[in-house]
């Protein structure tokens, strides 16, 4: 499943927690790339990631918990 991470609405976004979440839920992103994607997301640009279907429910819950707005592409 592909997700488009749109923005983070948290007042004080936890960069480390967001990067860790992206690395854990994505099927092909390592910690270094997740740090870069987190910085891009917090600057206001959208980020595309791919999530394994078996992890999709928990991934979406984790994103909501971090106040990350997303849209499902596929």
PDB file of N, CA and C in Angstrom:
ATOM      1  N   UNK A   1       0.849  -1.165   0.000  1.00  0.00           N
ATOM      2  CA  UNK A   1       0.000   0.000   0.000  1.00  0.00           C
ATOM      3  C   UNK A   1       0.898   1.232   0.000  1.00  0.00           C
ATOM      4  N   UNK A   2       0.562   2.185  -0.835  1.00  0.00           N
ATOM      5  CA  UNK A   2       1.327   3.433  -0.892  1.00  0.00           C
ATOM      6  C   UNK A   2       0.586   4.522  -0.136  1.00  0.00           C
ATOM      7  N   UNK A   3       1.357   5.294   0.625  1.00  0.00           N
ATOM      8  CA  UNK A   3       0.809   6.405   1.392  1.00  0.00           C
ATOM      9  C   UNK A   3       1.503   7.688   0.986  1.00  0.00           C
ATOM     10  N   UNK A   4       0.752   8.754   0.985  1.00  0.00           N
ATOM     11  CA  UNK A   4       1.288  10.082   0.773  1.00  0.00           C
ATOM     12  C   UNK A   4       1.162  10.810   2.109  1.00  0.00           C
ATOM     13  N   UNK A   5       2.289  11.045   2.782  1.00  0.00           N
ATOM     14  CA  UNK A   5       2.275  11.771   4.048  1.00  0.00           C
ATOM     15  C   UNK A   5       2.212  13.254   3.718  1.00  0.00           C
ATOM     16  N   UNK A   6       1.141  13.906   4.142  1.00  0.00           N
ATOM     17  CA  UNK A   6       0.875  15.283   3.725  1.00  0.00           C
ATOM     18  C   UNK A   6       1.476  16.324   4.657  1.00  0.00           C
ATOM     19  N   UNK A   7       1.246  16.167   5.953  1.00  0.00           N
ATOM     20  CA  UNK A   7       1.723  17.162   6.908  1.00  0.00           C
ATOM     21  C   UNK A   7       1.673  16.602   8.315  1.00  0.00           C
ATOM     22  N   UNK A   8       2.285  17.325   9.229  1.00  0.00           N
ATOM     23  CA  UNK A   8       2.245  16.965  10.642  1.00  0.00           C
ATOM     24  C   UNK A   8       1.633  18.141  11.390  1.00  0.00           C
ATOM     25  N   UNK A   9       0.515  17.908  12.079  1.00  0.00           N
ATOM     26  CA  UNK A   9      -0.219  18.972  12.758  1.00  0.00           C
ATOM     27  C   UNK A   9       0.134  19.125  14.233  1.00  0.00           C
ATOM     28  N   UNK A  10       1.106  18.366  14.717  1.00  0.00           N
ATOM     29  CA  UNK A  10       1.474  18.444  16.133  1.00  0.00           C
ATOM     30  C   UNK A  10       2.106  19.806  16.425  1.00  0.00           C
ATOM     31  N   UNK A  11       1.832  20.339  17.612  1.00  0.00           N
ATOM     32  CA  UNK A  11       2.411  21.626  17.985  1.00  0.00           C
ATOM     33  C   UNK A  11       3.931  21.526  18.082  1.00  0.00           C
ATOM     34  N   UNK A  12       4.399  20.456  18.692  1.00  0.00           N
ATOM     35  CA  UNK A  12       5.833  20.207  18.819  1.00  0.00           C
ATOM     36  C   UNK A  12       6.122  18.816  18.290  1.00  0.00           C
ATOM     37  N   UNK A  13       6.303  18.691  16.986  1.00  0.00           N
ATOM     38  CA  UNK A  13       6.521  17.365  16.414  1.00  0.00           C
ATOM     39  C   UNK A  13       7.828  16.740  16.918  1.00  0.00           C
ATOM     40  N   UNK A  14       7.767  15.476  17.268  1.00  0.00           N
ATOM     41  CA  UNK A  14       8.930  14.733  17.740  1.00  0.00           C
ATOM     42  C   UNK A  14       9.628  14.124  16.527  1.00  0.00           C
ATOM     43  N   UNK A  15      10.683  14.779  16.060  1.00  0.00           N
ATOM     44  CA  UNK A  15      11.371  14.347  14.844  1.00  0.00           C
ATOM     45  C   UNK A  15      11.877  12.919  14.966  1.00  0.00           C
ATOM     46  N   UNK A  16      12.424  12.588  16.114  1.00  0.00           N
ATOM     47  CA  UNK A  16      12.982  11.248  16.313  1.00  0.00           C
ATOM     48  C   UNK A  16      11.887  10.188  16.248  1.00  0.00           C
ATOM     49  N   UNK A  17      10.747  10.444  16.874  1.00  0.00           N
ATOM     50  CA  UNK A  17       9.642   9.484  16.861  1.00  0.00           C
ATOM     51  C   UNK A  17       9.055   9.326  15.457  1.00  0.00           C
ATOM     52  N   UNK A  18       8.952  10.422  14.721  1.00  0.00           N
ATOM     53  CA  UNK A  18       8.418  10.360  13.359  1.00  0.00           C
ATOM     54  C   UNK A  18       9.359   9.564  12.463  1.00  0.00           C
ATOM     55  N   UNK A  19      10.661   9.838  12.548  1.00  0.00           N
ATOM     56  CA  UNK A  19      11.639   9.120  11.735  1.00  0.00           C
ATOM     57  C   UNK A  19      11.636   7.629  12.072  1.00  0.00           C
ATOM     58  N   UNK A  20      11.539   7.311  13.341  1.00  0.00           N
ATOM     59  CA  UNK A  20      11.506   5.903  13.755  1.00  0.00           C
ATOM     60  C   UNK A  20      10.250   5.222  13.224  1.00  0.00           C
ATOM     61  N   UNK A  21       9.130   5.906  13.291  1.00  0.00           N
ATOM     62  CA  UNK A  21       7.863   5.366  12.795  1.00  0.00           C
ATOM     63  C   UNK A  21       7.942   5.098  11.297  1.00  0.00           C
ATOM     64  N   UNK A  22       8.469   6.051  10.533  1.00  0.00           N
ATOM     65  CA  UNK A  22       8.582   5.882   9.083  1.00  0.00           C
ATOM     66  C   UNK A  22       9.473   4.685   8.763  1.00  0.00           C
ATOM     67  N   UNK A  23      10.595   4.561   9.463  1.00  0.00           N
ATOM     68  CA  UNK A  23      11.514   3.448   9.212  1.00  0.00           C
ATOM     69  C   UNK A  23      10.863   2.111   9.546  1.00  0.00           C
ATOM     70  N   UNK A  24      10.059   2.066  10.611  1.00  0.00           N
ATOM     71  CA  UNK A  24       9.437   0.815  11.037  1.00  0.00           C
ATOM     72  C   UNK A  24       8.295   0.381  10.123  1.00  0.00           C
ATOM     73  N   UNK A  25       7.495   1.318   9.660  1.00  0.00           N
ATOM     74  CA  UNK A  25       6.313   0.931   8.886  1.00  0.00           C
ATOM     75  C   UNK A  25       6.600   0.758   7.405  1.00  0.00           C
ATOM     76  N   UNK A  26       7.667   1.376   6.928  1.00  0.00           N
ATOM     77  CA  UNK A  26       7.957   1.296   5.505  1.00  0.00           C
ATOM     78  C   UNK A  26       8.715   0.024   5.164  1.00  0.00           C
ATOM     79  N   UNK A  27       8.465  -0.472   3.968  1.00  0.00           N
ATOM     80  CA  UNK A  27       9.091  -1.720   3.553  1.00  0.00           C
ATOM     81  C   UNK A  27      10.497  -1.528   2.997  1.00  0.00           C
ATOM     82  N   UNK A  28      10.867  -0.305   2.639  1.00  0.00           N
ATOM     83  CA  UNK A  28      12.155  -0.121   1.961  1.00  0.00           C
ATOM     84  C   UNK A  28      12.940   1.105   2.413  1.00  0.00           C
ATOM     85  N   UNK A  29      12.645   1.636   3.583  1.00  0.00           N
ATOM     86  CA  UNK A  29      13.312   2.859   4.037  1.00  0.00           C
ATOM     87  C   UNK A  29      14.127   2.560   5.285  1.00  0.00           C
ATOM     88  N   UNK A  30      15.418   2.927   5.238  1.00  0.00           N
ATOM     89  CA  UNK A  30      16.270   2.746   6.404  1.00  0.00           C
ATOM     90  C   UNK A  30      16.220   4.000   7.290  1.00  0.00           C
ATOM     91  N   UNK A  31      16.930   3.971   8.405  1.00  0.00           N
ATOM     92  CA  UNK A  31      16.860   5.060   9.378  1.00  0.00           C
ATOM     93  C   UNK A  31      17.381   6.375   8.804  1.00  0.00           C
ATOM     94  N   UNK A  32      18.441   6.316   8.031  1.00  0.00           N
ATOM     95  CA  UNK A  32      19.014   7.528   7.452  1.00  0.00           C
ATOM     96  C   UNK A  32      18.030   8.223   6.510  1.00  0.00           C
ATOM     97  N   UNK A  33      17.423   7.441   5.631  1.00  0.00           N
ATOM     98  CA  UNK A  33      16.440   8.004   4.698  1.00  0.00           C
ATOM     99  C   UNK A  33      15.201   8.496   5.435  1.00  0.00           C
ATOM    100  N   UNK A  34      14.805   7.797   6.483  1.00  0.00           N
ATOM    101  CA  UNK A  34      13.624   8.243   7.234  1.00  0.00           C
ATOM    102  C   UNK A  34      13.886   9.577   7.922  1.00  0.00           C
ATOM    103  N   UNK A  35      15.126   9.825   8.346  1.00  0.00           N
ATOM    104  CA  UNK A  35      15.467  11.132   8.928  1.00  0.00           C
ATOM    105  C   UNK A  35      15.326  12.235   7.887  1.00  0.00           C
ATOM    106  N   UNK A  36      15.783  11.967   6.671  1.00  0.00           N
ATOM    107  CA  UNK A  36      15.658  12.951   5.592  1.00  0.00           C
ATOM    108  C   UNK A  36      14.192  13.193   5.235  1.00  0.00           C
ATOM    109  N   UNK A  37      13.407  12.115   5.148  1.00  0.00           N
ATOM    110  CA  UNK A  37      11.987  12.256   4.816  1.00  0.00           C
ATOM    111  C   UNK A  37      11.233  13.005   5.904  1.00  0.00           C
ATOM    112  N   UNK A  38      11.620  12.792   7.152  1.00  0.00           N
ATOM    113  CA  UNK A  38      10.998  13.505   8.267  1.00  0.00           C
ATOM    114  C   UNK A  38      11.256  15.002   8.150  1.00  0.00           C
ATOM    115  N   UNK A  39      12.485  15.364   7.834  1.00  0.00           N
ATOM    116  CA  UNK A  39      12.818  16.783   7.668  1.00  0.00           C
ATOM    117  C   UNK A  39      12.001  17.394   6.527  1.00  0.00           C
ATOM    118  N   UNK A  40      11.869  16.671   5.431  1.00  0.00           N
ATOM    119  CA  UNK A  40      11.080  17.156   4.290  1.00  0.00           C
ATOM    120  C   UNK A  40       9.618  17.333   4.699  1.00  0.00           C
ATOM    121  N   UNK A  41       9.066  16.344   5.414  1.00  0.00           N
ATOM    122  CA  UNK A  41       7.674  16.403   5.856  1.00  0.00           C
ATOM    123  C   UNK A  41       7.439  17.600   6.779  1.00  0.00           C
ATOM    124  N   UNK A  42       8.358  17.828   7.712  1.00  0.00           N
ATOM    125  CA  UNK A  42       8.176  18.921   8.675  1.00  0.00           C
ATOM    126  C   UNK A  42       8.392  20.294   8.046  1.00  0.00           C
ATOM    127  N   UNK A  43       9.061  20.339   6.899  1.00  0.00           N
ATOM    128  CA  UNK A  43       9.194  21.598   6.168  1.00  0.00           C
ATOM    129  C   UNK A  43       7.927  21.943   5.403  1.00  0.00           C
ATOM    130  N   UNK A  44       7.020  20.977   5.275  1.00  0.00           N
ATOM    131  CA  UNK A  44       5.737  21.246   4.635  1.00  0.00           C
ATOM    132  C   UNK A  44       5.515  20.547   3.314  1.00  0.00           C
ATOM    133  N   UNK A  45       6.469  19.746   2.860  1.00  0.00           N
ATOM    134  CA  UNK A  45       6.316  19.021   1.599  1.00  0.00           C
ATOM    135  C   UNK A  45       5.795  17.613   1.860  1.00  0.00           C
ATOM    136  N   UNK A  46       5.040  17.092   0.909  1.00  0.00           N
ATOM    137  CA  UNK A  46       4.493  15.744   1.024  1.00  0.00           C
ATOM    138  C   UNK A  46       5.577  14.703   0.750  1.00  0.00           C
ATOM    139  N   UNK A  47       5.418  13.527   1.361  1.00  0.00           N
ATOM    140  CA  UNK A  47       6.374  12.434   1.232  1.00  0.00           C
ATOM    141  C   UNK A  47       5.608  11.158   0.894  1.00  0.00           C
ATOM    142  N   UNK A  48       6.088  10.411  -0.092  1.00  0.00           N
ATOM    143  CA  UNK A  48       5.480   9.125  -0.456  1.00  0.00           C
ATOM    144  C   UNK A  48       6.264   7.992   0.176  1.00  0.00           C
ATOM    145  N   UNK A  49       5.551   7.054   0.799  1.00  0.00           N
ATOM    146  CA  UNK A  49       6.190   5.852   1.328  1.00  0.00           C
ATOM    147  C   UNK A  49       5.342   4.646   0.959  1.00  0.00           C
ATOM    148  N   UNK A  50       5.955   3.471   1.006  1.00  0.00           N
ATOM    149  CA  UNK A  50       5.237   2.231   0.748  1.00  0.00           C
ATOM    150  C   UNK A  50       5.217   1.401   2.030  1.00  0.00           C
ATOM    151  N   UNK A  51       4.028   0.920   2.388  1.00  0.00           N
ATOM    152  CA  UNK A  51       3.834   0.144   3.606  1.00  0.00           C
ATOM    153  C   UNK A  51       3.388  -1.255   3.207  1.00  0.00           C
ATOM    154  N   UNK A  52       3.929  -2.252   3.892  1.00  0.00           N
ATOM    155  CA  UNK A  52       3.492  -3.618   3.626  1.00  0.00           C
ATOM    156  C   UNK A  52       2.041  -3.773   4.068  1.00  0.00           C
ATOM    157  N   UNK A  53       1.266  -4.503   3.274  1.00  0.00           N
ATOM    158  CA  UNK A  53      -0.169  -4.640   3.551  1.00  0.00           C
ATOM    159  C   UNK A  53      -0.449  -5.263   4.913  1.00  0.00           C
ATOM    160  N   UNK A  54       0.407  -6.161   5.349  1.00  0.00           N
ATOM    161  CA  UNK A  54       0.151  -6.814   6.641  1.00  0.00           C
ATOM    162  C   UNK A  54       0.329  -5.856   7.813  1.00  0.00           C
ATOM    163  N   UNK A  55       1.041  -4.744   7.595  1.00  0.00           N
ATOM    164  CA  UNK A  55       1.272  -3.762   8.654  1.00  0.00           C
ATOM    165  C   UNK A  55       0.409  -2.516   8.502  1.00  0.00           C
ATOM    166  N   UNK A  56      -0.501  -2.513   7.549  1.00  0.00           N
ATOM    167  CA  UNK A  56      -1.194  -1.271   7.212  1.00  0.00           C
ATOM    168  C   UNK A  56      -2.038  -0.717   8.355  1.00  0.00           C
ATOM    169  N   UNK A  57      -2.752  -1.554   9.066  1.00  0.00           N
ATOM    170  CA  UNK A  57      -3.597  -1.059  10.151  1.00  0.00           C
ATOM    171  C   UNK A  57      -2.801  -0.412  11.263  1.00  0.00           C
ATOM    172  N   UNK A  58      -1.762  -1.072  11.708  1.00  0.00           N
ATOM    173  CA  UNK A  58      -0.936  -0.510  12.783  1.00  0.00           C
ATOM    174  C   UNK A  58      -0.154   0.703  12.299  1.00  0.00           C
ATOM    175  N   UNK A  59       0.237   0.705  11.015  1.00  0.00           N
ATOM    176  CA  UNK A  59       0.955   1.852  10.462  1.00  0.00           C
ATOM    177  C   UNK A  59       0.080   3.097  10.468  1.00  0.00           C
ATOM    178  N   UNK A  60      -1.167   2.940  10.060  1.00  0.00           N
ATOM    179  CA  UNK A  60      -2.081   4.084  10.022  1.00  0.00           C
ATOM    180  C   UNK A  60      -2.364   4.608  11.427  1.00  0.00           C
ATOM    181  N   UNK A  61      -2.495   3.706  12.396  1.00  0.00           N
ATOM    182  CA  UNK A  61      -2.695   4.126  13.786  1.00  0.00           C
ATOM    183  C   UNK A  61      -1.482   4.899  14.300  1.00  0.00           C
ATOM    184  N   UNK A  62      -0.290   4.419  13.981  1.00  0.00           N
ATOM    185  CA  UNK A  62       0.934   5.087  14.431  1.00  0.00           C
ATOM    186  C   UNK A  62       1.035   6.484  13.839  1.00  0.00           C
ATOM    187  N   UNK A  63       0.674   6.633  12.577  1.00  0.00           N
ATOM    188  CA  UNK A  63       0.718   7.955  11.938  1.00  0.00           C
ATOM    189  C   UNK A  63      -0.292   8.904  12.572  1.00  0.00           C
ATOM    190  N   UNK A  64      -1.492   8.410  12.847  1.00  0.00           N
ATOM    191  CA  UNK A  64      -2.505   9.261  13.493  1.00  0.00           C
ATOM    192  C   UNK A  64      -2.049   9.689  14.881  1.00  0.00           C
ATOM    193  N   UNK A  65      -1.399   8.782  15.610  1.00  0.00           N
ATOM    194  CA  UNK A  65      -0.920   9.088  16.949  1.00  0.00           C
ATOM    195  C   UNK A  65       0.117  10.213  16.930  1.00  0.00           C
ATOM    196  N   UNK A  66       0.902  10.274  15.856  1.00  0.00           N
ATOM    197  CA  UNK A  66       1.916  11.326  15.709  1.00  0.00           C
ATOM    198  C   UNK A  66       1.362  12.576  15.034  1.00  0.00           C
ATOM    199  N   UNK A  67       0.057  12.639  14.806  1.00  0.00           N
ATOM    200  CA  UNK A  67      -0.635  13.771  14.174  1.00  0.00           C
ATOM    201  C   UNK A  67      -0.163  14.018  12.750  1.00  0.00           C
ATOM    202  N   UNK A  68       0.081  12.938  12.022  1.00  0.00           N
ATOM    203  CA  UNK A  68       0.505  13.045  10.633  1.00  0.00           C
ATOM    204  C   UNK A  68      -0.707  12.807   9.740  1.00  0.00           C
ATOM    205  N   UNK A  69      -0.992  13.787   8.888  1.00  0.00           N
ATOM    206  CA  UNK A  69      -2.076  13.633   7.899  1.00  0.00           C
ATOM    207  C   UNK A  69      -1.539  12.863   6.721  1.00  0.00           C
ATOM    208  N   UNK A  70      -2.345  11.942   6.202  1.00  0.00           N
ATOM    209  CA  UNK A  70      -1.905  11.101   5.095  1.00  0.00           C
ATOM    210  C   UNK A  70      -3.069  10.840   4.171  1.00  0.00           C
ATOM    211  N   UNK A  71      -2.745  10.373   2.959  1.00  0.00           N
ATOM    212  CA  UNK A  71      -3.767   9.876   2.051  1.00  0.00           C
ATOM    213  C   UNK A  71      -3.269   8.560   1.483  1.00  0.00           C
ATOM    214  N   UNK A  72      -4.198   7.660   1.256  1.00  0.00           N
ATOM    215  CA  UNK A  72      -3.854   6.353   0.695  1.00  0.00           C
ATOM    216  C   UNK A  72      -3.887   6.472  -0.821  1.00  0.00           C
ATOM    217  N   UNK A  73      -2.765   6.136  -1.445  1.00  0.00           N
ATOM    218  CA  UNK A  73      -2.671   6.217  -2.904  1.00  0.00           C
ATOM    219  C   UNK A  73      -3.134   4.914  -3.535  1.00  0.00           C
ATOM    220  N   UNK A  74      -2.654   3.789  -3.018  1.00  0.00           N
ATOM    221  CA  UNK A  74      -3.033   2.463  -3.537  1.00  0.00           C
ATOM    222  C   UNK A  74      -3.213   1.500  -2.406  1.00  0.00           C
TER     223      UNK A  74
END
